[in-house]
Amino acid sequence: TSELSLLADELITVYTVPGMDPDWLIGERGNQKGKVPVTYLE
């Protein structure tokens, strides 16, 4: 539940927070929010 499911080619908003694993970002899509892997993003 801490992660956000992704669909190829969609656009999301991402940001990082202090102390977070550098392989992950926080992703937001509308009112949904969760961790997303960096390597799946451009």
All heavy atoms as atom14 arrays in JSON, in Angstrom:
{
  "sequence": "TSELSLLADELITVYTVPGMDPDWLIGERGNQKGKVPVTYLE",
  "atom14_mask": [
    [1, 1, 1, 1, 1, 1, 1, 0, 0, 0, 0, 0, 0, 0],
    [1, 1, 1, 1, 1, 1, 0, 0, 0, 0, 0, 0, 0, 0],
    [1, 1, 1, 1, 1, 1, 1, 1, 1, 0, 0, 0, 0, 0],
    [1, 1, 1, 1, 1, 1, 1, 1, 0, 0, 0, 0, 0, 0],
    [1, 1, 1, 1, 1, 1, 0, 0, 0, 0, 0, 0, 0, 0],
    [1, 1, 1, 1, 1, 1, 1, 1, 0, 0, 0, 0, 0, 0],
    [1, 1, 1, 1, 1, 1, 1, 1, 0, 0, 0, 0, 0, 0],
    [1, 1, 1, 1, 1, 0, 0, 0, 0, 0, 0, 0, 0, 0],
    [1, 1, 1, 1, 1, 1, 1, 1, 0, 0, 0, 0, 0, 0],
    [1, 1, 1, 1, 1, 1, 1, 1, 1, 0, 0, 0, 0, 0],
    [1, 1, 1, 1, 1, 1, 1, 1, 0, 0, 0, 0, 0, 0],
    [1, 1, 1, 1, 1, 1, 1, 1, 0, 0, 0, 0, 0, 0],
    [1, 1, 1, 1, 1, 1, 1, 0, 0, 0, 0, 0, 0, 0],
    [1, 1, 1, 1, 1, 1, 1, 0, 0, 0, 0, 0, 0, 0],
    [1, 1, 1, 1, 1, 1, 1, 1, 1, 1, 1, 1, 0, 0],
    [1, 1, 1, 1, 1, 1, 1, 0, 0, 0, 0, 0, 0, 0],
    [1, 1, 1, 1, 1, 1, 1, 0, 0, 0, 0, 0, 0, 0],
    [1, 1, 1, 1, 1, 1, 1, 0, 0, 0, 0, 0, 0, 0],
    [1, 1, 1, 1, 0, 0, 0, 0, 0, 0, 0, 0, 0, 0],
    [1, 1, 1, 1, 1, 1, 1, 1, 0, 0, 0, 0, 0, 0],
    [1, 1, 1, 1, 1, 1, 1, 1, 0, 0, 0, 0, 0, 0],
    [1, 1, 1, 1, 1, 1, 1, 0, 0, 0, 0, 0, 0, 0],
    [1, 1, 1, 1, 1, 1, 1, 1, 0, 0, 0, 0, 0, 0],
    [1, 1, 1, 1, 1, 1, 1, 1, 1, 1, 1, 1, 1, 1],
    [1, 1, 1, 1, 1, 1, 1, 1, 0, 0, 0, 0, 0, 0],
    [1, 1, 1, 1, 1, 1, 1, 1, 0, 0, 0, 0, 0, 0],
    [1, 1, 1, 1, 0, 0, 0, 0, 0, 0, 0, 0, 0, 0],
    [1, 1, 1, 1, 1, 1, 1, 1, 1, 0, 0, 0, 0, 0],
    [1, 1, 1, 1, 1, 1, 1, 1, 1, 1, 1, 0, 0, 0],
    [1, 1, 1, 1, 0, 0, 0, 0, 0, 0, 0, 0, 0, 0],
    [1, 1, 1, 1, 1, 1, 1, 1, 0, 0, 0, 0, 0, 0],
    [1, 1, 1, 1, 1, 1, 1, 1, 1, 0, 0, 0, 0, 0],
    [1, 1, 1, 1, 1, 1, 1, 1, 1, 0, 0, 0, 0, 0],
    [1, 1, 1, 1, 0, 0, 0, 0, 0, 0, 0, 0, 0, 0],
    [1, 1, 1, 1, 1, 1, 1, 1, 1, 0, 0, 0, 0, 0],
    [1, 1, 1, 1, 1, 1, 1, 0, 0, 0, 0, 0, 0, 0],
    [1, 1, 1, 1, 1, 1, 1, 0, 0, 0, 0, 0, 0, 0],
    [1, 1, 1, 1, 1, 1, 1, 0, 0, 0, 0, 0, 0, 0],
    [1, 1, 1, 1, 1, 1, 1, 0, 0, 0, 0, 0, 0, 0],
    [1, 1, 1, 1, 1, 1, 1, 1, 1, 1, 1, 1, 0, 0],
    [1, 1, 1, 1, 1, 1, 1, 1, 0, 0, 0, 0, 0, 0],
    [1, 1, 1, 1, 1, 1, 1, 1, 1, 0, 0, 0, 0, 0]
  ],
  "atom14_positions": [
    [[0.81, -1.22, 0.0], [0.0, 0.0, 0.0], [0.84, 1.27, 0.0], [0.33, 2.35, -0.28], [-0.91, 0.01, 1.24], [-0.11, -0.13, 2.43], [-1.91, -1.14, 1.18], [0.0, 0.0, 0.0], [0.0, 0.0, 0.0], [0.0, 0.0, 0.0], [0.0, 0.0, 0.0], [0.0, 0.0, 0.0], [0.0, 0.0, 0.0], [0.0, 0.0, 0.0]],
    [[2.14, 1.15, 0.3], [3.0, 2.34, 0.3], [3.46, 2.71, -1.1], [4.02, 3.79, -1.3], [4.22, 2.11, 1.2], [5.09, 1.15, 0.63], [0.0, 0.0, 0.0], [0.0, 0.0, 0.0], [0.0, 0.0, 0.0], [0.0, 0.0, 0.0], [0.0, 0.0, 0.0], [0.0, 0.0, 0.0], [0.0, 0.0, 0.0], [0.0, 0.0, 0.0]],
    [[3.23, 1.83, -2.08], [3.69, 2.07, -3.44], [2.52, 2.45, -4.34], [1.35, 2.17, -4.02], [4.41, 0.85, -3.99], [5.67, 0.49, -3.23], [6.36, -0.74, -3.78], [5.92, -1.25, -4.84], [7.33, -1.21, -3.16], [0.0, 0.0, 0.0], [0.0, 0.0, 0.0], [0.0, 0.0, 0.0], [0.0, 0.0, 0.0], [0.0, 0.0, 0.0]],
    [[2.85, 3.06, -5.47], [1.84, 3.5, -6.44], [1.99, 2.67, -7.72], [3.08, 2.62, -8.29], [2.01, 4.98, -6.74], [1.04, 5.61, -7.76], [-0.38, 5.6, -7.19], [1.47, 7.03, -8.11], [0.0, 0.0, 0.0], [0.0, 0.0, 0.0], [0.0, 0.0, 0.0], [0.0, 0.0, 0.0], [0.0, 0.0, 0.0], [0.0, 0.0, 0.0]],
    [[0.91, 2.04, -8.15], [0.95, 1.29, -9.41], [1.03, 2.26, -10.58], [0.46, 3.36, -10.54], [-0.29, 0.4, -9.54], [-0.29, -0.59, -8.54], [0.0, 0.0, 0.0], [0.0, 0.0, 0.0], [0.0, 0.0, 0.0], [0.0, 0.0, 0.0], [0.0, 0.0, 0.0], [0.0, 0.0, 0.0], [0.0, 0.0, 0.0], [0.0, 0.0, 0.0]],
    [[1.74, 1.83, -11.64], [1.97, 2.7, -12.79], [1.51, 2.02, -14.07], [1.53, 0.8, -14.19], [3.46, 3.03, -12.9], [4.12, 3.69, -11.69], [5.62, 3.83, -11.92], [3.49, 5.05, -11.42], [0.0, 0.0, 0.0], [0.0, 0.0, 0.0], [0.0, 0.0, 0.0], [0.0, 0.0, 0.0], [0.0, 0.0, 0.0], [0.0, 0.0, 0.0]],
    [[1.12, 2.86, -15.04], [0.79, 2.4, -16.38], [1.72, 3.08, -17.37], [1.98, 4.28, -17.26], [-0.66, 2.72, -16.74], [-1.74, 2.0, -15.92], [-3.12, 2.51, -16.3], [-1.65, 0.5, -16.13], [0.0, 0.0, 0.0], [0.0, 0.0, 0.0], [0.0, 0.0, 0.0], [0.0, 0.0, 0.0], [0.0, 0.0, 0.0], [0.0, 0.0, 0.0]],
    [[2.23, 2.33, -18.31], [3.17, 2.88, -19.28], [2.56, 4.08, -20.02], [1.37, 4.09, -20.34], [3.58, 1.81, -20.28], [0.0, 0.0, 0.0], [0.0, 0.0, 0.0], [0.0, 0.0, 0.0], [0.0, 0.0, 0.0], [0.0, 0.0, 0.0], [0.0, 0.0, 0.0], [0.0, 0.0, 0.0], [0.0, 0.0, 0.0], [0.0, 0.0, 0.0]],
    [[3.38, 5.12, -20.23], [3.06, 6.33, -21.0], [2.22, 7.35, -20.23], [1.96, 8.44, -20.76], [2.34, 5.98, -22.32], [3.22, 5.16, -23.25], [4.45, 5.37, -23.22], [2.69, 4.33, -24.0], [0.0, 0.0, 0.0], [0.0, 0.0, 0.0], [0.0, 0.0, 0.0], [0.0, 0.0, 0.0], [0.0, 0.0, 0.0], [0.0, 0.0, 0.0]],
    [[1.8, 7.06, -19.0], [1.06, 8.07, -18.26], [2.02, 9.08, -17.64], [3.21, 8.8, -17.45], [0.19, 7.42, -17.17], [0.97, 6.84, -16.01], [0.05, 6.35, -14.89], [-1.06, 6.9, -14.77], [0.45, 5.44, -14.15], [0.0, 0.0, 0.0], [0.0, 0.0, 0.0], [0.0, 0.0, 0.0], [0.0, 0.0, 0.0], [0.0, 0.0, 0.0]],
    [[1.52, 10.29, -17.29], [2.31, 11.34, -16.67], [1.93, 11.46, -15.21], [0.74, 11.45, -14.86], [2.08, 12.68, -17.38], [2.54, 12.77, -18.84], [2.2, 14.14, -19.41], [4.03, 12.5, -18.96], [0.0, 0.0, 0.0], [0.0, 0.0, 0.0], [0.0, 0.0, 0.0], [0.0, 0.0, 0.0], [0.0, 0.0, 0.0], [0.0, 0.0, 0.0]],
    [[2.93, 11.56, -14.36], [2.69, 11.71, -12.92], [3.61, 12.81, -12.4], [4.56, 13.22, -13.06], [2.94, 10.4, -12.15], [4.41, 9.97, -12.29], [2.0, 9.3, -12.61], [4.76, 8.78, -11.43], [0.0, 0.0, 0.0], [0.0, 0.0, 0.0], [0.0, 0.0, 0.0], [0.0, 0.0, 0.0], [0.0, 0.0, 0.0], [0.0, 0.0, 0.0]],
    [[3.32, 13.29, -11.21], [4.16, 14.26, -10.51], [5.04, 13.51, -9.51], [4.54, 12.64, -8.78], [3.31, 15.3, -9.79], [2.47, 15.97, -10.73], [4.2, 16.33, -9.08], [0.0, 0.0, 0.0], [0.0, 0.0, 0.0], [0.0, 0.0, 0.0], [0.0, 0.0, 0.0], [0.0, 0.0, 0.0], [0.0, 0.0, 0.0], [0.0, 0.0, 0.0]],
    [[6.32, 13.83, -9.48], [7.24, 13.13, -8.58], [8.07, 14.14, -7.79], [8.29, 15.27, -8.24], [8.18, 12.18, -9.36], [7.41, 11.06, -10.02], [8.99, 12.93, -10.42], [0.0, 0.0, 0.0], [0.0, 0.0, 0.0], [0.0, 0.0, 0.0], [0.0, 0.0, 0.0], [0.0, 0.0, 0.0], [0.0, 0.0, 0.0], [0.0, 0.0, 0.0]],
    [[8.5, 13.69, -6.62], [9.42, 14.49, -5.8], [10.06, 13.55, -4.8], [9.65, 12.39, -4.62], [8.68, 15.63, -5.1], [7.46, 15.2, -4.3], [7.57, 14.8, -2.97], [6.19, 15.2, -4.89], [6.47, 14.41, -2.24], [5.08, 14.81, -4.18], [5.22, 14.42, -2.85], [4.12, 14.02, -2.14], [0.0, 0.0, 0.0], [0.0, 0.0, 0.0]],
    [[11.1, 14.05, -4.15], [11.8, 13.25, -3.15], [11.66, 13.9, -1.79], [11.29, 15.09, -1.69], [13.28, 13.1, -3.53], [13.91, 12.18, -2.61], [14.01, 14.44, -3.47], [0.0, 0.0, 0.0], [0.0, 0.0, 0.0], [0.0, 0.0, 0.0], [0.0, 0.0, 0.0], [0.0, 0.0, 0.0], [0.0, 0.0, 0.0], [0.0, 0.0, 0.0]],
    [[11.93, 13.13, -0.75], [11.88, 13.64, 0.62], [13.17, 13.24, 1.32], [13.81, 12.24, 0.93], [10.66, 13.08, 1.38], [9.37, 13.57, 0.75], [10.68, 11.57, 1.41], [0.0, 0.0, 0.0], [0.0, 0.0, 0.0], [0.0, 0.0, 0.0], [0.0, 0.0, 0.0], [0.0, 0.0, 0.0], [0.0, 0.0, 0.0], [0.0, 0.0, 0.0]],
    [[13.58, 13.98, 2.33], [14.83, 13.66, 3.03], [14.82, 12.25, 3.62], [13.8, 11.78, 4.14], [14.89, 14.73, 4.13], [14.05, 15.86, 3.62], [12.96, 15.22, 2.84], [0.0, 0.0, 0.0], [0.0, 0.0, 0.0], [0.0, 0.0, 0.0], [0.0, 0.0, 0.0], [0.0, 0.0, 0.0], [0.0, 0.0, 0.0], [0.0, 0.0, 0.0]],
    [[15.98, 11.58, 3.49], [16.12, 10.25, 4.06], [15.51, 9.14, 3.23], [15.5, 7.98, 3.66], [0.0, 0.0, 0.0], [0.0, 0.0, 0.0], [0.0, 0.0, 0.0], [0.0, 0.0, 0.0], [0.0, 0.0, 0.0], [0.0, 0.0, 0.0], [0.0, 0.0, 0.0], [0.0, 0.0, 0.0], [0.0, 0.0, 0.0], [0.0, 0.0, 0.0]],
    [[15.03, 9.46, 2.04], [14.37, 8.45, 1.21], [15.41, 7.71, 0.37], [16.41, 8.27, -0.08], [13.33, 9.12, 0.29], [12.46, 8.15, -0.48], [11.18, 9.03, -1.38], [10.37, 7.65, -2.19], [0.0, 0.0, 0.0], [0.0, 0.0, 0.0], [0.0, 0.0, 0.0], [0.0, 0.0, 0.0], [0.0, 0.0, 0.0], [0.0, 0.0, 0.0]],
    [[15.16, 6.43, 0.13], [16.02, 5.62, -0.74], [16.14, 6.3, -2.1], [15.12, 6.62, -2.73], [15.39, 4.22, -0.9], [16.29, 3.25, -1.67], [17.14, 3.72, -2.43], [16.12, 2.03, -1.49], [0.0, 0.0, 0.0], [0.0, 0.0, 0.0], [0.0, 0.0, 0.0], [0.0, 0.0, 0.0], [0.0, 0.0, 0.0], [0.0, 0.0, 0.0]],
    [[17.37, 6.55, -2.59], [17.53, 7.26, -3.88], [16.99, 6.49, -5.08], [16.87, 7.06, -6.16], [19.05, 7.46, -3.98], [19.64, 6.4, -3.11], [18.67, 6.24, -1.98], [0.0, 0.0, 0.0], [0.0, 0.0, 0.0], [0.0, 0.0, 0.0], [0.0, 0.0, 0.0], [0.0, 0.0, 0.0], [0.0, 0.0, 0.0], [0.0, 0.0, 0.0]],
    [[16.71, 5.19, -4.91], [16.13, 4.42, -6.02], [14.63, 4.66, -6.17], [14.02, 4.15, -7.11], [16.37, 2.92, -5.8], [17.81, 2.53, -6.04], [18.54, 3.35, -6.61], [18.2, 1.41, -5.67], [0.0, 0.0, 0.0], [0.0, 0.0, 0.0], [0.0, 0.0, 0.0], [0.0, 0.0, 0.0], [0.0, 0.0, 0.0], [0.0, 0.0, 0.0]],
    [[14.05, 5.43, -5.26], [12.61, 5.62, -5.25], [12.27, 7.11, -5.18], [13.07, 7.92, -4.71], [11.95, 4.91, -4.05], [12.1, 3.43, -4.09], [13.2, 2.7, -3.74], [11.12, 2.49, -4.53], [12.96, 1.38, -3.93], [11.7, 1.2, -4.41], [9.82, 2.61, -5.0], [11.02, 0.05, -4.76], [9.13, 1.46, -5.34], [9.72, 0.19, -5.21]],
    [[11.1, 7.45, -5.67], [10.55, 8.8, -5.56], [9.12, 8.68, -5.07], [8.51, 7.61, -5.12], [10.56, 9.5, -6.93], [11.93, 9.82, -7.54], [11.76, 10.34, -8.96], [12.69, 10.82, -6.7], [0.0, 0.0, 0.0], [0.0, 0.0, 0.0], [0.0, 0.0, 0.0], [0.0, 0.0, 0.0], [0.0, 0.0, 0.0], [0.0, 0.0, 0.0]],
    [[8.58, 9.8, -4.6], [7.16, 9.86, -4.27], [6.43, 10.29, -5.54], [6.79, 11.28, -6.19], [6.87, 10.86, -3.14], [7.62, 10.43, -1.87], [5.37, 10.95, -2.86], [7.19, 9.09, -1.33], [0.0, 0.0, 0.0], [0.0, 0.0, 0.0], [0.0, 0.0, 0.0], [0.0, 0.0, 0.0], [0.0, 0.0, 0.0], [0.0, 0.0, 0.0]],
    [[5.43, 9.51, -5.95], [4.66, 9.83, -7.14], [3.22, 10.14, -6.78], [2.64, 9.53, -5.88], [0.0, 0.0, 0.0], [0.0, 0.0, 0.0], [0.0, 0.0, 0.0], [0.0, 0.0, 0.0], [0.0, 0.0, 0.0], [0.0, 0.0, 0.0], [0.0, 0.0, 0.0], [0.0, 0.0, 0.0], [0.0, 0.0, 0.0], [0.0, 0.0, 0.0]],
    [[2.65, 11.12, -7.48], [1.26, 11.51, -7.25], [0.5, 11.5, -8.57], [0.99, 11.96, -9.59], [1.18, 12.9, -6.61], [1.66, 12.95, -5.16], [1.36, 14.29, -4.51], [0.79, 15.17, -5.2], [1.7, 14.46, -3.33], [0.0, 0.0, 0.0], [0.0, 0.0, 0.0], [0.0, 0.0, 0.0], [0.0, 0.0, 0.0], [0.0, 0.0, 0.0]],
    [[-0.71, 10.94, -8.51], [-1.63, 10.92, -9.65], [-3.0, 11.27, -9.11], [-3.67, 10.42, -8.5], [-1.64, 9.56, -10.33], [-2.51, 9.5, -11.58], [-2.98, 8.12, -11.95], [-1.91, 7.16, -12.07], [-1.75, 6.12, -11.24], [-2.58, 5.97, -10.21], [-0.78, 5.27, -11.4], [0.0, 0.0, 0.0], [0.0, 0.0, 0.0], [0.0, 0.0, 0.0]],
    [[-3.43, 12.52, -9.3], [-4.69, 12.94, -8.72], [-4.6, 12.9, -7.2], [-3.7, 13.48, -6.59], [0.0, 0.0, 0.0], [0.0, 0.0, 0.0], [0.0, 0.0, 0.0], [0.0, 0.0, 0.0], [0.0, 0.0, 0.0], [0.0, 0.0, 0.0], [0.0, 0.0, 0.0], [0.0, 0.0, 0.0], [0.0, 0.0, 0.0], [0.0, 0.0, 0.0]],
    [[-5.53, 12.17, -6.56], [-5.5, 12.06, -5.12], [-4.79, 10.79, -4.65], [-4.83, 10.43, -3.47], [-6.92, 12.08, -4.56], [-7.76, 10.94, -5.13], [-7.29, 10.19, -5.99], [-9.01, 10.83, -4.67], [0.0, 0.0, 0.0], [0.0, 0.0, 0.0], [0.0, 0.0, 0.0], [0.0, 0.0, 0.0], [0.0, 0.0, 0.0], [0.0, 0.0, 0.0]],
    [[-4.14, 10.07, -5.59], [-3.37, 8.88, -5.25], [-1.9, 9.25, -5.08], [-1.36, 10.07, -5.82], [-3.51, 7.81, -6.34], [-4.92, 7.28, -6.49], [-5.01, 6.26, -7.61], [-4.42, 6.43, -8.67], [-5.76, 5.18, -7.37], [0.0, 0.0, 0.0], [0.0, 0.0, 0.0], [0.0, 0.0, 0.0], [0.0, 0.0, 0.0], [0.0, 0.0, 0.0]],
    [[-1.26, 8.58, -4.12], [0.12, 8.91, -3.8], [0.83, 7.64, -3.33], [0.23, 6.8, -2.66], [0.17, 10.0, -2.74], [1.57, 10.39, -2.3], [1.55, 11.64, -1.43], [0.65, 11.47, -0.21], [0.67, 12.68, 0.66], [0.0, 0.0, 0.0], [0.0, 0.0, 0.0], [0.0, 0.0, 0.0], [0.0, 0.0, 0.0], [0.0, 0.0, 0.0]],
    [[2.11, 7.51, -3.68], [2.88, 6.35, -3.23], [4.28, 6.36, -3.83], [4.63, 7.19, -4.68], [0.0, 0.0, 0.0], [0.0, 0.0, 0.0], [0.0, 0.0, 0.0], [0.0, 0.0, 0.0], [0.0, 0.0, 0.0], [0.0, 0.0, 0.0], [0.0, 0.0, 0.0], [0.0, 0.0, 0.0], [0.0, 0.0, 0.0], [0.0, 0.0, 0.0]],
    [[5.11, 5.47, -3.33], [6.48, 5.37, -3.82], [6.48, 4.73, -5.21], [5.7, 3.82, -5.49], [7.32, 4.52, -2.87], [7.53, 5.16, -1.5], [8.47, 4.32, -0.65], [7.89, 2.94, -0.38], [8.77, 2.13, 0.47], [0.0, 0.0, 0.0], [0.0, 0.0, 0.0], [0.0, 0.0, 0.0], [0.0, 0.0, 0.0], [0.0, 0.0, 0.0]],
    [[7.4, 5.22, -6.06], [7.55, 4.67, -7.42], [9.03, 4.47, -7.7], [9.87, 5.27, -7.25], [6.93, 5.62, -8.48], [5.42, 5.7, -8.32], [7.54, 7.01, -8.4], [0.0, 0.0, 0.0], [0.0, 0.0, 0.0], [0.0, 0.0, 0.0], [0.0, 0.0, 0.0], [0.0, 0.0, 0.0], [0.0, 0.0, 0.0], [0.0, 0.0, 0.0]],
    [[9.41, 3.43, -8.44], [10.82, 3.19, -8.74], [11.33, 4.16, -9.8], [10.69, 4.38, -10.83], [10.84, 1.74, -9.25], [9.47, 1.5, -9.77], [8.55, 2.33, -8.95], [0.0, 0.0, 0.0], [0.0, 0.0, 0.0], [0.0, 0.0, 0.0], [0.0, 0.0, 0.0], [0.0, 0.0, 0.0], [0.0, 0.0, 0.0], [0.0, 0.0, 0.0]],
    [[12.52, 4.71, -9.57], [13.1, 5.68, -10.48], [13.33, 5.12, -11.86], [13.14, 5.77, -12.89], [14.44, 6.21, -9.88], [15.18, 7.07, -10.89], [14.18, 7.02, -8.61], [0.0, 0.0, 0.0], [0.0, 0.0, 0.0], [0.0, 0.0, 0.0], [0.0, 0.0, 0.0], [0.0, 0.0, 0.0], [0.0, 0.0, 0.0], [0.0, 0.0, 0.0]],
    [[13.76, 3.85, -11.9], [14.13, 3.26, -13.18], [12.94, 3.03, -14.11], [13.14, 2.63, -15.27], [14.84, 1.91, -12.96], [14.06, 1.1, -12.09], [16.22, 2.13, -12.35], [0.0, 0.0, 0.0], [0.0, 0.0, 0.0], [0.0, 0.0, 0.0], [0.0, 0.0, 0.0], [0.0, 0.0, 0.0], [0.0, 0.0, 0.0], [0.0, 0.0, 0.0]],
    [[11.74, 3.25, -13.64], [10.56, 3.11, -14.48], [10.08, 4.46, -15.01], [9.03, 4.54, -15.64], [9.43, 2.45, -13.68], [9.54, 0.95, -13.57], [10.59, 0.36, -12.89], [8.6, 0.13, -14.17], [10.71, -1.01, -12.79], [8.7, -1.24, -14.1], [9.77, -1.83, -13.39], [9.88, -3.18, -13.31], [0.0, 0.0, 0.0], [0.0, 0.0, 0.0]],
    [[10.86, 5.53, -14.78], [10.42, 6.87, -15.12], [11.38, 7.57, -16.06], [12.58, 7.28, -16.08], [10.28, 7.72, -13.84], [9.37, 7.17, -12.72], [9.47, 8.05, -11.51], [7.93, 7.05, -13.21], [0.0, 0.0, 0.0], [0.0, 0.0, 0.0], [0.0, 0.0, 0.0], [0.0, 0.0, 0.0], [0.0, 0.0, 0.0], [0.0, 0.0, 0.0]],
    [[10.84, 8.5, -16.82], [11.64, 9.45, -17.59], [11.26, 10.85, -17.1], [10.13, 11.29, -17.32], [11.36, 9.31, -19.08], [12.13, 10.31, -19.93], [11.75, 10.27, -21.39], [10.94, 9.38, -21.76], [12.25, 11.11, -22.15], [0.0, 0.0, 0.0], [0.0, 0.0, 0.0], [0.0, 0.0, 0.0], [0.0, 0.0, 0.0], [0.0, 0.0, 0.0]]
  ]
}
